[in-house]
Each structure stands twice: as C-alpha cells, then as structure tokens.
Amino acid sequence: MATHLEQLGADPLLWAWPILQSFFSRYLCRADWLVLWDHLLCHEPVFMAVALVAYAKLNGPAILAATSAEQVYLYIHVYIYIYIYIYIYIYIYI
C-alpha cells in the first residue's frame, strides 16, 4: 500500500494527517472514540501509529483502488465510521 500511495503522490500529510489532526474523532462514533482513548492512555504512544495503520489496513481496498492522490484525499475525508473493536483485533494480530 505504501508503494501505491507513493506512486500516486499521496504522502502521509495528505492521508494520515487529517486522521491524526482530529485524533480519530471524525472517524469513530463517540463510544468507540472513548474506547480508543482508553487504549491510547493505557498503552505506549506507539499505539496511535498502530491505530493509524489499522485504519489504513481496513480501508486498503478502497485506497488501492484510487488512481490519484485526490481520490485518496476524498476517500479519507468521507469520514467512514469504523468499529473500534476491529482496530483492537488488528492491533493484537499485527
């Protein structure tokens, strides 16, 4: 996925920064956002990066289908809610 994003010119500032800037609040419902923050406060700071990787992995098919950096940007800004338990599952099994 990293190679595909690089080929499109979609650097992390384009796709990752909006997610981190909102601290996932635009992408998780309130209850799941609180669960994520419980985990962020109880684990090492690297958990934030793991959550970001999990988001990218869950949305991999759509991101890989993008043919331009603009499509990646627009997809990220759709604010698709993801269930936090999927993040935690990916975190455990990465």
N, C-alpha and C. Protein backbone atom coordinates (compact mmCIF):
# COMPACT_ATOMS: atom_id res chain seq x y z
N MET A 1 0.82 -1.18 0.00
CA MET A 1 0.00 0.00 0.00
C MET A 1 0.88 1.26 0.00
N ALA A 2 1.98 1.22 0.75
CA ALA A 2 2.87 2.38 0.81
C ALA A 2 3.41 2.72 -0.56
N THR A 3 3.77 1.70 -1.34
CA THR A 3 4.28 1.93 -2.68
C THR A 3 3.21 2.57 -3.56
N HIS A 4 1.99 2.07 -3.46
CA HIS A 4 0.89 2.62 -4.26
C HIS A 4 0.65 4.09 -3.90
N LEU A 5 0.61 4.39 -2.62
CA LEU A 5 0.41 5.78 -2.20
C LEU A 5 1.55 6.67 -2.67
N GLU A 6 2.76 6.15 -2.60
CA GLU A 6 3.92 6.92 -3.05
C GLU A 6 3.84 7.19 -4.55
N GLN A 7 3.44 6.18 -5.34
CA GLN A 7 3.32 6.34 -6.79
C GLN A 7 2.26 7.39 -7.14
N LEU A 8 1.22 7.49 -6.32
CA LEU A 8 0.16 8.47 -6.57
C LEU A 8 0.55 9.87 -6.10
N GLY A 9 1.61 9.95 -5.31
CA GLY A 9 1.99 11.23 -4.73
C GLY A 9 1.17 11.57 -3.50
N ALA A 10 0.59 10.54 -2.90
CA ALA A 10 -0.23 10.72 -1.70
C ALA A 10 0.65 10.49 -0.47
N ASP A 11 1.35 11.51 -0.07
CA ASP A 11 2.23 11.36 1.09
C ASP A 11 1.41 11.36 2.38
N PRO A 12 2.03 11.01 3.51
CA PRO A 12 1.28 10.93 4.77
C PRO A 12 0.58 12.22 5.17
N LEU A 13 1.11 13.37 4.76
CA LEU A 13 0.41 14.62 5.08
C LEU A 13 -0.97 14.68 4.43
N LEU A 14 -1.12 14.01 3.31
CA LEU A 14 -2.40 14.01 2.60
C LEU A 14 -3.41 13.08 3.25
N TRP A 15 -2.98 11.87 3.60
CA TRP A 15 -3.96 10.90 4.09
C TRP A 15 -3.90 10.68 5.60
N ALA A 16 -2.74 10.73 6.22
CA ALA A 16 -2.64 10.42 7.64
C ALA A 16 -2.88 11.63 8.53
N TRP A 17 -2.42 12.78 8.10
CA TRP A 17 -2.53 13.96 8.95
C TRP A 17 -3.97 14.31 9.30
N PRO A 18 -4.92 14.29 8.37
CA PRO A 18 -6.30 14.62 8.75
C PRO A 18 -6.86 13.69 9.84
N ILE A 19 -6.47 12.43 9.79
CA ILE A 19 -6.93 11.47 10.79
C ILE A 19 -6.32 11.80 12.14
N LEU A 20 -5.01 12.03 12.15
CA LEU A 20 -4.32 12.34 13.40
C LEU A 20 -4.73 13.71 13.94
N GLN A 21 -4.95 14.66 13.06
CA GLN A 21 -5.33 16.01 13.46
C GLN A 21 -6.64 16.01 14.24
N SER A 22 -7.55 15.14 13.85
CA SER A 22 -8.84 15.05 14.55
C SER A 22 -8.79 14.03 15.69
N PHE A 23 -7.63 13.40 15.89
CA PHE A 23 -7.50 12.34 16.91
C PHE A 23 -8.58 11.28 16.73
N PHE A 24 -8.87 10.96 15.47
CA PHE A 24 -9.84 9.92 15.09
C PHE A 24 -11.29 10.29 15.39
N SER A 25 -11.55 11.48 15.88
CA SER A 25 -12.93 11.83 16.26
C SER A 25 -13.87 11.90 15.07
N ARG A 26 -13.36 12.14 13.89
CA ARG A 26 -14.22 12.20 12.71
C ARG A 26 -14.49 10.82 12.13
N TYR A 27 -13.76 9.82 12.61
CA TYR A 27 -13.82 8.51 12.01
C TYR A 27 -14.41 7.44 12.93
N LEU A 28 -14.64 7.79 14.17
CA LEU A 28 -15.20 6.86 15.14
C LEU A 28 -16.42 7.49 15.80
N CYS A 29 -17.42 6.66 16.09
CA CYS A 29 -18.53 7.18 16.88
C CYS A 29 -18.01 7.48 18.28
N ARG A 30 -18.76 8.23 19.05
CA ARG A 30 -18.29 8.70 20.37
C ARG A 30 -17.86 7.54 21.28
N ALA A 31 -18.68 6.50 21.34
CA ALA A 31 -18.37 5.37 22.22
C ALA A 31 -17.06 4.71 21.81
N ASP A 32 -16.87 4.50 20.52
CA ASP A 32 -15.64 3.87 20.05
C ASP A 32 -14.45 4.79 20.21
N TRP A 33 -14.66 6.10 20.05
CA TRP A 33 -13.58 7.06 20.24
C TRP A 33 -13.09 7.01 21.69
N LEU A 34 -14.02 6.88 22.63
CA LEU A 34 -13.65 6.78 24.04
C LEU A 34 -12.88 5.49 24.33
N VAL A 35 -13.29 4.40 23.68
CA VAL A 35 -12.55 3.14 23.85
C VAL A 35 -11.13 3.30 23.31
N LEU A 36 -11.00 3.91 22.14
CA LEU A 36 -9.66 4.13 21.58
C LEU A 36 -8.80 4.95 22.54
N TRP A 37 -9.37 6.01 23.10
CA TRP A 37 -8.60 6.85 24.01
C TRP A 37 -8.26 6.14 25.31
N ASP A 38 -9.11 5.25 25.76
CA ASP A 38 -8.74 4.42 26.91
C ASP A 38 -7.47 3.63 26.60
N HIS A 39 -7.43 3.06 25.40
CA HIS A 39 -6.26 2.29 24.99
C HIS A 39 -5.04 3.19 24.78
N LEU A 40 -5.25 4.35 24.20
CA LEU A 40 -4.12 5.27 23.97
C LEU A 40 -3.50 5.73 25.28
N LEU A 41 -4.32 5.95 26.28
CA LEU A 41 -3.81 6.42 27.57
C LEU A 41 -3.17 5.30 28.38
N CYS A 42 -3.56 4.07 28.11
CA CYS A 42 -3.04 2.93 28.88
C CYS A 42 -1.85 2.24 28.22
N HIS A 43 -1.63 2.50 26.95
CA HIS A 43 -0.54 1.84 26.23
C HIS A 43 0.54 2.86 25.88
N GLU A 44 1.58 2.35 25.30
CA GLU A 44 2.67 3.20 24.85
C GLU A 44 2.18 4.13 23.74
N PRO A 45 2.85 5.26 23.54
CA PRO A 45 2.43 6.20 22.49
C PRO A 45 2.40 5.60 21.08
N VAL A 46 3.14 4.53 20.87
CA VAL A 46 3.16 3.91 19.56
C VAL A 46 1.78 3.37 19.16
N PHE A 47 0.90 3.20 20.14
CA PHE A 47 -0.45 2.69 19.84
C PHE A 47 -1.18 3.63 18.87
N MET A 48 -0.89 4.93 18.90
CA MET A 48 -1.51 5.87 17.97
C MET A 48 -1.13 5.50 16.53
N ALA A 49 0.13 5.17 16.32
CA ALA A 49 0.58 4.76 14.99
C ALA A 49 -0.06 3.44 14.59
N VAL A 50 -0.21 2.54 15.54
CA VAL A 50 -0.84 1.25 15.27
C VAL A 50 -2.29 1.46 14.85
N ALA A 51 -2.99 2.36 15.52
CA ALA A 51 -4.37 2.66 15.16
C ALA A 51 -4.45 3.23 13.75
N LEU A 52 -3.49 4.07 13.39
CA LEU A 52 -3.46 4.64 12.05
C LEU A 52 -3.21 3.56 11.00
N VAL A 53 -2.28 2.66 11.29
CA VAL A 53 -2.00 1.55 10.37
C VAL A 53 -3.24 0.66 10.24
N ALA A 54 -3.93 0.41 11.35
CA ALA A 54 -5.15 -0.40 11.31
C ALA A 54 -6.21 0.27 10.44
N TYR A 55 -6.34 1.59 10.56
CA TYR A 55 -7.30 2.32 9.72
C TYR A 55 -6.95 2.14 8.25
N ALA A 56 -5.67 2.31 7.93
CA ALA A 56 -5.23 2.16 6.54
C ALA A 56 -5.45 0.73 6.05
N LYS A 57 -5.18 -0.23 6.91
CA LYS A 57 -5.35 -1.64 6.53
C LYS A 57 -6.82 -1.97 6.30
N LEU A 58 -7.69 -1.48 7.15
CA LEU A 58 -9.12 -1.73 6.99
C LEU A 58 -9.67 -1.09 5.72
N ASN A 59 -9.10 0.03 5.34
CA ASN A 59 -9.57 0.74 4.16
C ASN A 59 -8.68 0.50 2.95
N GLY A 60 -7.82 -0.51 3.05
CA GLY A 60 -6.87 -0.84 1.99
C GLY A 60 -7.48 -1.01 0.62
N PRO A 61 -8.54 -1.81 0.47
CA PRO A 61 -9.11 -2.00 -0.87
C PRO A 61 -9.51 -0.68 -1.55
N ALA A 62 -10.13 0.21 -0.81
CA ALA A 62 -10.54 1.50 -1.39
C ALA A 62 -9.33 2.37 -1.71
N ILE A 63 -8.35 2.35 -0.83
CA ILE A 63 -7.14 3.15 -1.05
C ILE A 63 -6.37 2.61 -2.25
N LEU A 64 -6.28 1.29 -2.37
CA LEU A 64 -5.58 0.70 -3.51
C LEU A 64 -6.32 0.90 -4.82
N ALA A 65 -7.63 1.09 -4.76
CA ALA A 65 -8.41 1.34 -5.97
C ALA A 65 -8.27 2.77 -6.47
N ALA A 66 -7.76 3.65 -5.62
CA ALA A 66 -7.59 5.05 -6.02
C ALA A 66 -6.57 5.16 -7.15
N THR A 67 -6.87 6.06 -8.08
CA THR A 67 -5.96 6.26 -9.22
C THR A 67 -5.26 7.62 -9.17
N SER A 68 -5.54 8.38 -8.12
CA SER A 68 -4.88 9.68 -7.97
C SER A 68 -4.82 10.04 -6.49
N ALA A 69 -3.92 10.95 -6.18
CA ALA A 69 -3.81 11.42 -4.80
C ALA A 69 -5.11 12.10 -4.38
N GLU A 70 -5.76 12.77 -5.30
CA GLU A 70 -7.02 13.44 -4.99
C GLU A 70 -8.09 12.43 -4.56
N GLN A 71 -8.14 11.27 -5.21
CA GLN A 71 -9.11 10.25 -4.82
C GLN A 71 -8.83 9.73 -3.41
N VAL A 72 -7.56 9.57 -3.08
CA VAL A 72 -7.20 9.15 -1.72
C VAL A 72 -7.67 10.20 -0.73
N TYR A 73 -7.39 11.45 -1.02
CA TYR A 73 -7.78 12.56 -0.15
C TYR A 73 -9.30 12.59 0.05
N LEU A 74 -10.04 12.45 -1.04
CA LEU A 74 -11.50 12.49 -0.95
C LEU A 74 -12.03 11.29 -0.17
N TYR A 75 -11.44 10.12 -0.36
CA TYR A 75 -11.89 8.95 0.37
C TYR A 75 -11.66 9.13 1.87
N ILE A 76 -10.50 9.61 2.24
CA ILE A 76 -10.18 9.82 3.66
C ILE A 76 -11.16 10.82 4.28
N HIS A 77 -11.60 11.79 3.50
CA HIS A 77 -12.50 12.82 4.04
C HIS A 77 -13.97 12.44 4.01
N VAL A 78 -14.26 11.20 3.64
CA VAL A 78 -15.65 10.72 3.70
C VAL A 78 -16.06 10.46 5.14
N TYR A 79 -15.08 10.26 6.02
CA TYR A 79 -15.32 10.01 7.44
C TYR A 79 -16.15 8.76 7.66
N ILE A 80 -15.65 7.66 7.19
CA ILE A 80 -16.32 6.39 7.38
C ILE A 80 -16.08 5.93 8.81
N TYR A 81 -17.15 5.68 9.53
CA TYR A 81 -17.01 5.20 10.90
C TYR A 81 -16.56 3.74 10.90
N ILE A 82 -15.60 3.47 11.72
CA ILE A 82 -15.06 2.12 11.87
C ILE A 82 -15.30 1.69 13.31
N TYR A 83 -15.66 0.45 13.50
CA TYR A 83 -15.85 -0.04 14.86
C TYR A 83 -14.50 -0.27 15.52
N ILE A 84 -14.32 0.26 16.69
CA ILE A 84 -13.04 0.23 17.39
C ILE A 84 -12.58 -1.20 17.67
N TYR A 85 -13.49 -2.10 17.84
CA TYR A 85 -13.10 -3.47 18.15
C TYR A 85 -12.34 -4.11 16.99
N ILE A 86 -12.60 -3.65 15.78
CA ILE A 86 -11.82 -4.12 14.63
C ILE A 86 -10.39 -3.61 14.75
N TYR A 87 -10.22 -2.34 15.16
CA TYR A 87 -8.87 -1.80 15.39
C TYR A 87 -8.12 -2.64 16.41
N ILE A 88 -8.78 -2.93 17.50
CA ILE A 88 -8.13 -3.67 18.58
C ILE A 88 -7.76 -5.07 18.10
N TYR A 89 -8.62 -5.70 17.34
CA TYR A 89 -8.33 -7.02 16.79
C TYR A 89 -7.09 -6.96 15.91
N ILE A 90 -7.03 -5.95 15.04
CA ILE A 90 -5.86 -5.81 14.16
C ILE A 90 -4.62 -5.55 14.98
N TYR A 91 -4.73 -4.74 16.02
CA TYR A 91 -3.58 -4.43 16.89
C TYR A 91 -3.03 -5.71 17.52
N ILE A 92 -3.92 -6.56 17.96
CA ILE A 92 -3.48 -7.79 18.63
C ILE A 92 -2.80 -8.73 17.65
N TYR A 93 -3.28 -8.77 16.40
CA TYR A 93 -2.78 -9.75 15.46
C TYR A 93 -1.83 -9.20 14.40
N ILE A 94 -1.37 -7.96 14.56
CA ILE A 94 -0.38 -7.41 13.60
C ILE A 94 0.97 -7.99 13.90
